[in-house]
């Protein structure tokens, strides 16, 4: 396997992990806000 292919694979994997972390963070943040507003509303 050429070194460039390995670098591309590593960069791709890191990018996927970063995207996943960002998505999870926003989903958790959104859920937390929803729960907070529901609890505040009652």
C-alpha atoms as a PDB file:
ATOM      1  CA  UNK A   1       0.000   0.000   0.000  1.00  0.00           C
ATOM      2  CA  UNK A   2       1.458   3.398  -0.958  1.00  0.00           C
ATOM      3  CA  UNK A   3       2.166   5.906   1.823  1.00  0.00           C
ATOM      4  CA  UNK A   4      -0.244   8.438   0.276  1.00  0.00           C
ATOM      5  CA  UNK A   5      -3.108   5.940   0.491  1.00  0.00           C
ATOM      6  CA  UNK A   6      -2.359   5.345   4.174  1.00  0.00           C
ATOM      7  CA  UNK A   7      -2.276   9.107   4.854  1.00  0.00           C
ATOM      8  CA  UNK A   8      -5.609   9.539   3.045  1.00  0.00           C
ATOM      9  CA  UNK A   9      -7.121   6.669   5.059  1.00  0.00           C
ATOM     10  CA  UNK A  10      -5.915   8.158   8.350  1.00  0.00           C
ATOM     11  CA  UNK A  11      -7.182  11.642   7.421  1.00  0.00           C
ATOM     12  CA  UNK A  12     -10.523  10.161   6.366  1.00  0.00           C
ATOM     13  CA  UNK A  13     -10.868   8.176   9.591  1.00  0.00           C
ATOM     14  CA  UNK A  14     -10.023  11.234  11.719  1.00  0.00           C
ATOM     15  CA  UNK A  15     -12.510  13.368   9.759  1.00  0.00           C
ATOM     16  CA  UNK A  16     -15.250  10.753  10.298  1.00  0.00           C
ATOM     17  CA  UNK A  17     -14.530  10.577  14.035  1.00  0.00           C
ATOM     18  CA  UNK A  18     -14.578  14.378  14.342  1.00  0.00           C
ATOM     19  CA  UNK A  19     -17.880  14.576  12.439  1.00  0.00           C
ATOM     20  CA  UNK A  20     -19.395  11.854  14.626  1.00  0.00           C
ATOM     21  CA  UNK A  21     -18.283  13.654  17.808  1.00  0.00           C
ATOM     22  CA  UNK A  22     -19.736  16.981  16.572  1.00  0.00           C
ATOM     23  CA  UNK A  23     -23.059  15.327  15.636  1.00  0.00           C
ATOM     24  CA  UNK A  24     -23.301  13.521  19.001  1.00  0.00           C
ATOM     25  CA  UNK A  25     -22.445  16.777  20.821  1.00  0.00           C
ATOM     26  CA  UNK A  26     -25.190  18.726  19.046  1.00  0.00           C
ATOM     27  CA  UNK A  27     -27.745  15.921  19.508  1.00  0.00           C
ATOM     28  CA  UNK A  28     -26.987  15.736  23.248  1.00  0.00           C
ATOM     29  CA  UNK A  29     -27.100  19.538  23.515  1.00  0.00           C
ATOM     30  CA  UNK A  30     -30.440  19.649  21.702  1.00  0.00           C
ATOM     31  CA  UNK A  31     -31.864  16.869  23.872  1.00  0.00           C
ATOM     32  CA  UNK A  32     -30.652  18.617  27.034  1.00  0.00           C
ATOM     33  CA  UNK A  33     -32.334  21.871  25.957  1.00  0.00           C
ATOM     34  CA  UNK A  34     -35.575  20.030  25.162  1.00  0.00           C
ATOM     35  CA  UNK A  35     -35.601  18.276  28.545  1.00  0.00           C
ATOM     36  CA  UNK A  36     -34.787  21.570  30.287  1.00  0.00           C
ATOM     37  CA  UNK A  37     -37.638  23.430  28.572  1.00  0.00           C
ATOM     38  CA  UNK A  38     -40.100  20.579  29.236  1.00  0.00           C
ATOM     39  CA  UNK A  39     -39.143  20.504  32.931  1.00  0.00           C
ATOM     40  CA  UNK A  40     -39.277  24.310  33.145  1.00  0.00           C
ATOM     41  CA  UNK A  41     -42.660  24.379  31.420  1.00  0.00           C
ATOM     42  CA  UNK A  42     -44.372  22.073  33.917  1.00  0.00           C
END
